[in-house]
Amino acid sequence: MATPPPPPPPPGGGAAPGSGGIPSRTFGEIFSAAFELYKENFTKLIGLVAIVVIPLTLLQYFLTNEVLVKDAVLDLESGTITTTGWGEWWAVLGVSVLIGVIVQSILNGAIARAAAGTAIGESISTEAVYKFGLARLGPIIWISILVGLATLGGFILLIIPGIYIWVKLSVTVQALVVENKRGTEAMSRSWNLTKGYGWQVFGILIVTYILAGIVTGIITAIFGDNWFLAGLGASVAQIIVLPFTALVLIVMYLDLRVRKENLDVATLQNDMRSSAV
């Protein structure tokens, strides 16, 4: 008796049932999948972000208010800023920027790792994902600098090249977190994965950051103008927005790998295990 043919793949280019494959997703399905993961893991995700964001954001706003704002005077006619102590002013500005870079880098690693784990059904462990983020703090900061300089260079040339580079390098951190790619290797990985899907990636990024901007604007508008309430509002906005943004980017990254490489669950699990070492 002849062996019956295997079942056809589901619509949309997904893998056949039982094959261990991950189905590809449409534009809307990427957001739906991210939102479902967000709902399922909401408490753990916001707790993950709140631990770092609240104290360090409040510290940032306190330093900004106590030194950068109180001691700085803007001359409206000349447009110049004067301050009683430029050395102290620049020192505090440097500390504030450094805090922001470190916080964002740790969160990028921790949230991306948590988001990638939720995509394959792993339970979120705050200790584990922060340990992961701290262990890769240097590589993430380095990648952020490289991507930032490349994107800035594109914007300096013309707006369009800047947007193009931003899109092409949009899953660089995800390549580091999931596949343990480093530096320019992670950038090349992102560049190759987005090849042929630039418009879809651009659309996803634009919608994601517009939604994030709207939610952030609404939340921060609710809080007052003094440094504590403003910092608290910024913290709450980040706690709500950052996990969803990270989930969208991870789902988009995985979808690119599905479309380009027929990614399956076993391969993704192996990648995650290898990157955790």
C-alpha atoms as a PDB file:
ATOM      1  CA  MET A   1       0.000   0.000   0.000  1.00  0.00           C
ATOM      2  CA  ALA A   2       1.348   3.433  -0.932  1.00  0.00           C
ATOM      3  CA  THR A   3       2.212   5.823   1.900  1.00  0.00           C
ATOM      4  CA  PRO A   4      -0.318   8.674   1.988  1.00  0.00           C
ATOM      5  CA  PRO A   5       1.114  12.134   1.285  1.00  0.00           C
ATOM      6  CA  PRO A   6       1.797  14.427   4.268  1.00  0.00           C
ATOM      7  CA  PRO A   7      -0.869  16.989   5.141  1.00  0.00           C
ATOM      8  CA  PRO A   8      -0.538  20.339   3.357  1.00  0.00           C
ATOM      9  CA  PRO A   9       0.814  23.303   5.301  1.00  0.00           C
ATOM     10  CA  PRO A  10      -1.749  25.689   6.782  1.00  0.00           C
ATOM     11  CA  PRO A  11      -2.582  28.925   4.960  1.00  0.00           C
ATOM     12  CA  GLY A  12      -0.067  31.749   5.188  1.00  0.00           C
ATOM     13  CA  GLY A  13       3.062  29.649   4.723  1.00  0.00           C
ATOM     14  CA  GLY A  14       2.997  28.089   8.203  1.00  0.00           C
ATOM     15  CA  ALA A  15       4.423  24.708   9.050  1.00  0.00           C
ATOM     16  CA  ALA A  16       2.439  21.511   8.792  1.00  0.00           C
ATOM     17  CA  PRO A  17       0.639  20.434  11.990  1.00  0.00           C
ATOM     18  CA  GLY A  18       2.840  18.281  14.203  1.00  0.00           C
ATOM     19  CA  SER A  19       6.012  19.202  12.313  1.00  0.00           C
ATOM     20  CA  GLY A  20       7.424  21.303  15.152  1.00  0.00           C
ATOM     21  CA  GLY A  21       7.421  24.312  12.883  1.00  0.00           C
ATOM     22  CA  ILE A  22       6.338  27.814  13.818  1.00  0.00           C
ATOM     23  CA  PRO A  23       3.653  29.326  11.565  1.00  0.00           C
ATOM     24  CA  SER A  24       4.369  32.582   9.793  1.00  0.00           C
ATOM     25  CA  ARG A  25       2.167  35.506  10.763  1.00  0.00           C
ATOM     26  CA  THR A  26       0.528  38.356   8.950  1.00  0.00           C
ATOM     27  CA  PHE A  27       0.997  42.006   9.969  1.00  0.00           C
ATOM     28  CA  GLY A  28      -2.030  41.945  12.260  1.00  0.00           C
ATOM     29  CA  GLU A  29      -1.246  38.503  13.663  1.00  0.00           C
ATOM     30  CA  ILE A  30       2.159  39.724  14.882  1.00  0.00           C
ATOM     31  CA  PHE A  31       0.455  42.358  17.033  1.00  0.00           C
ATOM     32  CA  SER A  32      -2.216  39.895  18.157  1.00  0.00           C
ATOM     33  CA  ALA A  33       0.406  37.340  19.216  1.00  0.00           C
ATOM     34  CA  ALA A  34       2.388  39.998  21.095  1.00  0.00           C
ATOM     35  CA  PHE A  35      -0.750  41.243  22.847  1.00  0.00           C
ATOM     36  CA  GLU A  36      -1.747  37.701  23.885  1.00  0.00           C
ATOM     37  CA  LEU A  37       1.703  37.100  25.364  1.00  0.00           C
ATOM     38  CA  TYR A  38       1.450  40.490  27.066  1.00  0.00           C
ATOM     39  CA  LYS A  39      -1.890  39.610  28.676  1.00  0.00           C
ATOM     40  CA  GLU A  40      -0.752  36.154  29.753  1.00  0.00           C
ATOM     41  CA  ASN A  41       2.422  37.443  31.394  1.00  0.00           C
ATOM     42  CA  PHE A  42       1.311  40.958  32.364  1.00  0.00           C
ATOM     43  CA  THR A  43       2.002  40.771  36.102  1.00  0.00           C
ATOM     44  CA  LYS A  44       5.450  39.224  35.725  1.00  0.00           C
ATOM     45  CA  LEU A  45       6.443  41.580  32.902  1.00  0.00           C
ATOM     46  CA  ILE A  46       5.492  44.796  34.699  1.00  0.00           C
ATOM     47  CA  GLY A  47       7.165  43.537  37.863  1.00  0.00           C
ATOM     48  CA  LEU A  48      10.285  42.773  35.851  1.00  0.00           C
ATOM     49  CA  VAL A  49      10.467  46.328  34.530  1.00  0.00           C
ATOM     50  CA  ALA A  50       9.326  48.106  37.717  1.00  0.00           C
ATOM     51  CA  ILE A  51      12.212  46.762  39.815  1.00  0.00           C
ATOM     52  CA  VAL A  52      14.761  48.750  37.818  1.00  0.00           C
ATOM     53  CA  VAL A  53      12.741  51.533  36.215  1.00  0.00           C
ATOM     54  CA  ILE A  54      11.088  53.131  39.256  1.00  0.00           C
ATOM     55  CA  PRO A  55      14.123  53.806  41.501  1.00  0.00           C
ATOM     56  CA  LEU A  56      16.526  54.748  38.687  1.00  0.00           C
ATOM     57  CA  THR A  57      14.030  56.942  36.820  1.00  0.00           C
ATOM     58  CA  LEU A  58      13.179  58.808  40.015  1.00  0.00           C
ATOM     59  CA  LEU A  59      16.906  59.266  40.684  1.00  0.00           C
ATOM     60  CA  GLN A  60      17.342  60.599  37.152  1.00  0.00           C
ATOM     61  CA  TYR A  61      14.495  63.104  37.562  1.00  0.00           C
ATOM     62  CA  PHE A  62      15.760  64.163  40.998  1.00  0.00           C
ATOM     63  CA  LEU A  63      19.250  64.895  39.662  1.00  0.00           C
ATOM     64  CA  THR A  64      17.828  66.692  36.643  1.00  0.00           C
ATOM     65  CA  ASN A  65      15.562  68.861  38.792  1.00  0.00           C
ATOM     66  CA  GLU A  66      18.037  69.634  41.566  1.00  0.00           C
ATOM     67  CA  VAL A  67      20.948  70.612  39.334  1.00  0.00           C
ATOM     68  CA  LEU A  68      20.110  70.888  35.642  1.00  0.00           C
ATOM     69  CA  VAL A  69      16.866  72.806  36.083  1.00  0.00           C
ATOM     70  CA  LYS A  70      17.349  74.801  39.288  1.00  0.00           C
ATOM     71  CA  ASP A  71      20.838  76.059  38.465  1.00  0.00           C
ATOM     72  CA  ALA A  72      20.283  76.690  34.753  1.00  0.00           C
ATOM     73  CA  VAL A  73      18.871  79.972  33.459  1.00  0.00           C
ATOM     74  CA  LEU A  74      17.740  80.414  29.855  1.00  0.00           C
ATOM     75  CA  ASP A  75      18.165  83.861  28.278  1.00  0.00           C
ATOM     76  CA  LEU A  76      15.225  84.073  25.857  1.00  0.00           C
ATOM     77  CA  GLU A  77      16.752  86.912  23.842  1.00  0.00           C
ATOM     78  CA  SER A  78      20.121  85.296  23.172  1.00  0.00           C
ATOM     79  CA  GLY A  79      19.030  81.687  23.530  1.00  0.00           C
ATOM     80  CA  THR A  80      21.976  80.943  25.838  1.00  0.00           C
ATOM     81  CA  ILE A  81      21.953  78.940  29.061  1.00  0.00           C
ATOM     82  CA  THR A  82      23.865  80.121  32.107  1.00  0.00           C
ATOM     83  CA  THR A  83      24.440  78.172  35.304  1.00  0.00           C
ATOM     84  CA  THR A  84      26.161  78.788  38.627  1.00  0.00           C
ATOM     85  CA  GLY A  85      28.439  75.784  38.200  1.00  0.00           C
ATOM     86  CA  TRP A  86      29.120  74.348  34.751  1.00  0.00           C
ATOM     87  CA  GLY A  87      31.342  71.595  36.133  1.00  0.00           C
ATOM     88  CA  GLU A  88      28.615  70.296  38.421  1.00  0.00           C
ATOM     89  CA  TRP A  89      26.014  70.793  35.663  1.00  0.00           C
ATOM     90  CA  TRP A  90      27.924  68.663  33.160  1.00  0.00           C
ATOM     91  CA  ALA A  91      28.744  66.049  35.801  1.00  0.00           C
ATOM     92  CA  VAL A  92      25.087  65.576  36.686  1.00  0.00           C
ATOM     93  CA  LEU A  93      24.092  65.561  33.026  1.00  0.00           C
ATOM     94  CA  GLY A  94      26.692  62.862  32.389  1.00  0.00           C
ATOM     95  CA  VAL A  95      25.458  60.794  35.337  1.00  0.00           C
ATOM     96  CA  SER A  96      21.831  61.135  34.164  1.00  0.00           C
ATOM     97  CA  VAL A  97      22.718  60.038  30.643  1.00  0.00           C
ATOM     98  CA  LEU A  98      24.811  57.149  31.974  1.00  0.00           C
ATOM     99  CA  ILE A  99      21.938  55.998  34.190  1.00  0.00           C
ATOM    100  CA  GLY A 100      19.613  56.108  31.191  1.00  0.00           C
ATOM    101  CA  VAL A 101      21.994  54.099  29.004  1.00  0.00           C
ATOM    102  CA  ILE A 102      22.611  51.450  31.659  1.00  0.00           C
ATOM    103  CA  VAL A 103      18.919  51.124  32.553  1.00  0.00           C
ATOM    104  CA  GLN A 104      17.876  50.854  28.910  1.00  0.00           C
ATOM    105  CA  SER A 105      20.620  48.322  28.125  1.00  0.00           C
ATOM    106  CA  ILE A 106      19.797  46.063  31.080  1.00  0.00           C
ATOM    107  CA  LEU A 107      16.107  46.271  30.258  1.00  0.00           C
ATOM    108  CA  ASN A 108      16.724  45.565  26.579  1.00  0.00           C
ATOM    109  CA  GLY A 109      18.523  42.355  27.469  1.00  0.00           C
ATOM    110  CA  ALA A 110      16.216  41.278  30.278  1.00  0.00           C
ATOM    111  CA  ILE A 111      12.909  42.026  28.553  1.00  0.00           C
ATOM    112  CA  ALA A 112      14.020  40.593  25.202  1.00  0.00           C
ATOM    113  CA  ARG A 113      15.100  37.402  26.963  1.00  0.00           C
ATOM    114  CA  ALA A 114      11.812  37.211  28.870  1.00  0.00           C
ATOM    115  CA  ALA A 115       9.840  37.920  25.700  1.00  0.00           C
ATOM    116  CA  ALA A 116      11.716  35.254  23.740  1.00  0.00           C
ATOM    117  CA  GLY A 117      11.099  32.777  26.543  1.00  0.00           C
ATOM    118  CA  THR A 118       7.365  33.458  26.617  1.00  0.00           C
ATOM    119  CA  ALA A 119       7.240  32.813  22.858  1.00  0.00           C
ATOM    120  CA  ILE A 120       8.240  29.187  23.483  1.00  0.00           C
ATOM    121  CA  GLY A 121       6.232  28.790  26.659  1.00  0.00           C
ATOM    122  CA  GLU A 122       8.963  29.390  29.254  1.00  0.00           C
ATOM    123  CA  SER A 123       7.997  30.827  32.618  1.00  0.00           C
ATOM    124  CA  ILE A 124       9.474  34.247  33.378  1.00  0.00           C
ATOM    125  CA  SER A 125      12.066  34.261  36.156  1.00  0.00           C
ATOM    126  CA  THR A 126      12.973  37.814  37.160  1.00  0.00           C
ATOM    127  CA  GLU A 127      16.278  36.719  38.684  1.00  0.00           C
ATOM    128  CA  ALA A 128      17.261  34.689  35.609  1.00  0.00           C
ATOM    129  CA  VAL A 129      16.443  37.340  33.011  1.00  0.00           C
ATOM    130  CA  TYR A 130      18.188  40.123  34.937  1.00  0.00           C
ATOM    131  CA  LYS A 131      21.204  37.892  35.403  1.00  0.00           C
ATOM    132  CA  PHE A 132      21.128  37.399  31.626  1.00  0.00           C
ATOM    133  CA  GLY A 133      20.788  41.142  30.970  1.00  0.00           C
ATOM    134  CA  LEU A 134      23.603  42.078  33.357  1.00  0.00           C
ATOM    135  CA  ALA A 135      25.907  39.419  31.901  1.00  0.00           C
ATOM    136  CA  ARG A 136      25.420  40.958  28.448  1.00  0.00           C
ATOM    137  CA  LEU A 137      25.436  44.591  29.500  1.00  0.00           C
ATOM    138  CA  GLY A 138      28.689  45.335  27.687  1.00  0.00           C
ATOM    139  CA  PRO A 139      27.707  43.714  24.355  1.00  0.00           C
ATOM    140  CA  ILE A 140      24.261  45.350  24.430  1.00  0.00           C
ATOM    141  CA  ILE A 141      25.736  48.818  25.096  1.00  0.00           C
ATOM    142  CA  TRP A 142      28.277  48.243  22.315  1.00  0.00           C
ATOM    143  CA  ILE A 143      25.555  47.154  19.888  1.00  0.00           C
ATOM    144  CA  SER A 144      23.404  50.134  20.891  1.00  0.00           C
ATOM    145  CA  ILE A 145      26.303  52.483  20.162  1.00  0.00           C
ATOM    146  CA  LEU A 146      27.019  50.868  16.779  1.00  0.00           C
ATOM    147  CA  VAL A 147      23.362  50.869  15.720  1.00  0.00           C
ATOM    148  CA  GLY A 148      22.893  54.428  16.988  1.00  0.00           C
ATOM    149  CA  LEU A 149      25.926  55.725  15.102  1.00  0.00           C
ATOM    150  CA  ALA A 150      24.929  53.921  11.905  1.00  0.00           C
ATOM    151  CA  THR A 151      21.373  55.265  12.091  1.00  0.00           C
ATOM    152  CA  LEU A 152      22.555  58.771  12.984  1.00  0.00           C
ATOM    153  CA  GLY A 153      24.952  58.692  10.046  1.00  0.00           C
ATOM    154  CA  GLY A 154      22.067  57.805   7.756  1.00  0.00           C
ATOM    155  CA  PHE A 155      19.944  60.666   9.081  1.00  0.00           C
ATOM    156  CA  ILE A 156      22.823  63.112   8.682  1.00  0.00           C
ATOM    157  CA  LEU A 157      23.158  62.112   5.021  1.00  0.00           C
ATOM    158  CA  LEU A 158      19.425  62.274   4.361  1.00  0.00           C
ATOM    159  CA  ILE A 159      16.276  61.238   6.229  1.00  0.00           C
ATOM    160  CA  ILE A 160      15.538  58.234   3.977  1.00  0.00           C
ATOM    161  CA  PRO A 161      18.918  56.481   4.497  1.00  0.00           C
ATOM    162  CA  GLY A 162      18.477  56.911   8.253  1.00  0.00           C
ATOM    163  CA  ILE A 163      15.045  55.276   8.210  1.00  0.00           C
ATOM    164  CA  TYR A 164      16.385  52.499   5.957  1.00  0.00           C
ATOM    165  CA  ILE A 165      19.258  51.711   8.347  1.00  0.00           C
ATOM    166  CA  TRP A 166      16.905  51.891  11.351  1.00  0.00           C
ATOM    167  CA  VAL A 167      14.655  49.279   9.732  1.00  0.00           C
ATOM    168  CA  LYS A 168      17.524  47.039   8.630  1.00  0.00           C
ATOM    169  CA  LEU A 169      19.073  46.983  12.124  1.00  0.00           C
ATOM    170  CA  SER A 170      15.800  46.734  14.050  1.00  0.00           C
ATOM    171  CA  VAL A 171      16.297  43.152  15.311  1.00  0.00           C
ATOM    172  CA  THR A 172      19.991  43.446  16.232  1.00  0.00           C
ATOM    173  CA  VAL A 173      19.407  43.112  19.992  1.00  0.00           C
ATOM    174  CA  GLN A 174      17.075  40.162  19.392  1.00  0.00           C
ATOM    175  CA  ALA A 175      19.812  38.403  17.405  1.00  0.00           C
ATOM    176  CA  LEU A 176      22.176  38.933  20.349  1.00  0.00           C
ATOM    177  CA  VAL A 177      19.683  37.715  22.940  1.00  0.00           C
ATOM    178  CA  VAL A 178      18.388  34.649  21.094  1.00  0.00           C
ATOM    179  CA  GLU A 179      21.389  33.603  18.988  1.00  0.00           C
ATOM    180  CA  ASN A 180      24.241  35.125  21.005  1.00  0.00           C
ATOM    181  CA  LYS A 181      25.450  37.164  18.030  1.00  0.00           C
ATOM    182  CA  ARG A 182      27.805  39.977  18.996  1.00  0.00           C
ATOM    183  CA  GLY A 183      28.719  43.390  17.618  1.00  0.00           C
ATOM    184  CA  THR A 184      28.762  43.689  13.851  1.00  0.00           C
ATOM    185  CA  GLU A 185      27.789  40.024  13.546  1.00  0.00           C
ATOM    186  CA  ALA A 186      24.440  40.816  15.226  1.00  0.00           C
ATOM    187  CA  MET A 187      24.012  43.836  12.949  1.00  0.00           C
ATOM    188  CA  SER A 188      24.698  41.699   9.854  1.00  0.00           C
ATOM    189  CA  ARG A 189      22.220  39.106  11.113  1.00  0.00           C
ATOM    190  CA  SER A 190      19.504  41.762  11.453  1.00  0.00           C
ATOM    191  CA  TRP A 191      20.387  43.218   8.043  1.00  0.00           C
ATOM    192  CA  ASN A 192      20.023  39.803   6.368  1.00  0.00           C
ATOM    193  CA  LEU A 193      16.839  38.797   8.183  1.00  0.00           C
ATOM    194  CA  THR A 194      15.016  41.979   7.184  1.00  0.00           C
ATOM    195  CA  LYS A 195      16.084  41.680   3.538  1.00  0.00           C
ATOM    196  CA  GLY A 196      12.974  41.429   1.387  1.00  0.00           C
ATOM    197  CA  TYR A 197      10.648  42.388   4.258  1.00  0.00           C
ATOM    198  CA  GLY A 198      11.615  46.020   4.738  1.00  0.00           C
ATOM    199  CA  TRP A 199       8.179  47.517   4.215  1.00  0.00           C
ATOM    200  CA  GLN A 200       6.508  45.071   6.605  1.00  0.00           C
ATOM    201  CA  VAL A 201       9.170  45.680   9.263  1.00  0.00           C
ATOM    202  CA  PHE A 202       8.877  49.440   8.754  1.00  0.00           C
ATOM    203  CA  GLY A 203       5.091  49.273   9.173  1.00  0.00           C
ATOM    204  CA  ILE A 204       5.361  47.195  12.346  1.00  0.00           C
ATOM    205  CA  LEU A 205       7.936  49.544  13.853  1.00  0.00           C
ATOM    206  CA  ILE A 206       5.930  52.665  13.017  1.00  0.00           C
ATOM    207  CA  VAL A 207       2.676  51.277  14.441  1.00  0.00           C
ATOM    208  CA  THR A 208       4.475  49.981  17.560  1.00  0.00           C
ATOM    209  CA  TYR A 209       6.176  53.268  18.382  1.00  0.00           C
ATOM    210  CA  ILE A 210       3.105  55.356  17.576  1.00  0.00           C
ATOM    211  CA  LEU A 211       1.078  53.218  20.003  1.00  0.00           C
ATOM    212  CA  ALA A 212       3.874  53.476  22.581  1.00  0.00           C
ATOM    213  CA  GLY A 213       3.993  57.264  22.142  1.00  0.00           C
ATOM    214  CA  ILE A 214       0.232  57.632  22.560  1.00  0.00           C
ATOM    215  CA  VAL A 215       0.125  55.489  25.701  1.00  0.00           C
ATOM    216  CA  THR A 216       3.171  57.268  27.161  1.00  0.00           C
ATOM    217  CA  GLY A 217       1.648  60.671  26.431  1.00  0.00           C
ATOM    218  CA  ILE A 218      -1.647  59.757  28.092  1.00  0.00           C
ATOM    219  CA  ILE A 219       0.000  58.319  31.202  1.00  0.00           C
ATOM    220  CA  THR A 220       2.506  61.136  31.731  1.00  0.00           C
ATOM    221  CA  ALA A 221      -0.206  63.767  31.215  1.00  0.00           C
ATOM    222  CA  ILE A 222      -2.095  62.368  34.200  1.00  0.00           C
ATOM    223  CA  PHE A 223       0.764  63.061  36.604  1.00  0.00           C
ATOM    224  CA  GLY A 224       1.844  66.472  37.896  1.00  0.00           C
ATOM    225  CA  ASP A 225       4.724  68.725  36.894  1.00  0.00           C
ATOM    226  CA  ASN A 226       6.997  68.451  39.947  1.00  0.00           C
ATOM    227  CA  TRP A 227      10.023  66.186  39.529  1.00  0.00           C
ATOM    228  CA  PHE A 228       8.681  63.344  41.694  1.00  0.00           C
ATOM    229  CA  LEU A 229       5.292  63.037  39.993  1.00  0.00           C
ATOM    230  CA  ALA A 230       6.821  63.532  36.548  1.00  0.00           C
ATOM    231  CA  GLY A 231       9.380  60.802  37.277  1.00  0.00           C
ATOM    232  CA  LEU A 232       6.676  58.528  38.626  1.00  0.00           C
ATOM    233  CA  GLY A 233       4.582  59.100  35.511  1.00  0.00           C
ATOM    234  CA  ALA A 234       7.558  58.341  33.266  1.00  0.00           C
ATOM    235  CA  SER A 235       8.201  55.165  35.262  1.00  0.00           C
ATOM    236  CA  VAL A 236       4.616  53.961  34.949  1.00  0.00           C
ATOM    237  CA  ALA A 237       4.653  54.671  31.216  1.00  0.00           C
ATOM    238  CA  GLN A 238       7.834  52.639  30.735  1.00  0.00           C
ATOM    239  CA  ILE A 239       6.479  49.791  32.862  1.00  0.00           C
ATOM    240  CA  ILE A 240       3.391  49.561  30.641  1.00  0.00           C
ATOM    241  CA  VAL A 241       5.006  50.225  27.258  1.00  0.00           C
ATOM    242  CA  LEU A 242       8.422  48.537  27.275  1.00  0.00           C
ATOM    243  CA  PRO A 243       7.243  44.904  27.669  1.00  0.00           C
ATOM    244  CA  PHE A 244       4.722  45.201  24.821  1.00  0.00           C
ATOM    245  CA  THR A 245       7.286  46.822  22.531  1.00  0.00           C
ATOM    246  CA  ALA A 246       9.786  44.067  23.338  1.00  0.00           C
ATOM    247  CA  LEU A 247       7.195  41.379  22.628  1.00  0.00           C
ATOM    248  CA  VAL A 248       6.305  42.882  19.244  1.00  0.00           C
ATOM    249  CA  LEU A 249       9.984  42.994  18.272  1.00  0.00           C
ATOM    250  CA  ILE A 250      10.590  39.396  19.379  1.00  0.00           C
ATOM    251  CA  VAL A 251       7.516  38.090  17.536  1.00  0.00           C
ATOM    252  CA  MET A 252       8.581  40.048  14.441  1.00  0.00           C
ATOM    253  CA  TYR A 253      12.141  38.697  14.702  1.00  0.00           C
ATOM    254  CA  LEU A 254      10.878  35.108  15.028  1.00  0.00           C
ATOM    255  CA  ASP A 255       8.518  35.611  12.097  1.00  0.00           C
ATOM    256  CA  LEU A 256      11.419  36.802   9.939  1.00  0.00           C
ATOM    257  CA  ARG A 257      13.336  33.643  10.821  1.00  0.00           C
ATOM    258  CA  VAL A 258      10.293  31.507  10.029  1.00  0.00           C
ATOM    259  CA  ARG A 259       9.960  33.105   6.602  1.00  0.00           C
ATOM    260  CA  LYS A 260      13.684  33.053   5.815  1.00  0.00           C
ATOM    261  CA  GLU A 261      14.764  29.789   7.460  1.00  0.00           C
ATOM    262  CA  ASN A 262      11.620  27.756   8.306  1.00  0.00           C
ATOM    263  CA  LEU A 263      12.454  28.133  12.002  1.00  0.00           C
ATOM    264  CA  ASP A 264      11.027  25.374  14.200  1.00  0.00           C
ATOM    265  CA  VAL A 265      10.543  25.101  17.956  1.00  0.00           C
ATOM    266  CA  ALA A 266      13.472  22.712  18.482  1.00  0.00           C
ATOM    267  CA  THR A 267      15.907  25.064  16.748  1.00  0.00           C
ATOM    268  CA  LEU A 268      14.635  28.043  18.745  1.00  0.00           C
ATOM    269  CA  GLN A 269      14.951  26.125  22.007  1.00  0.00           C
ATOM    270  CA  ASN A 270      18.519  25.125  21.130  1.00  0.00           C
ATOM    271  CA  ASP A 271      19.351  28.752  20.283  1.00  0.00           C
ATOM    272  CA  MET A 272      17.929  29.915  23.610  1.00  0.00           C
ATOM    273  CA  ARG A 273      19.866  27.284  25.565  1.00  0.00           C
ATOM    274  CA  SER A 274      23.102  28.145  23.768  1.00  0.00           C
ATOM    275  CA  SER A 275      22.683  31.906  24.279  1.00  0.00           C
ATOM    276  CA  ALA A 276      22.059  31.422  28.003  1.00  0.00           C
ATOM    277  CA  VAL A 277      25.530  29.981  28.561  1.00  0.00           C
END
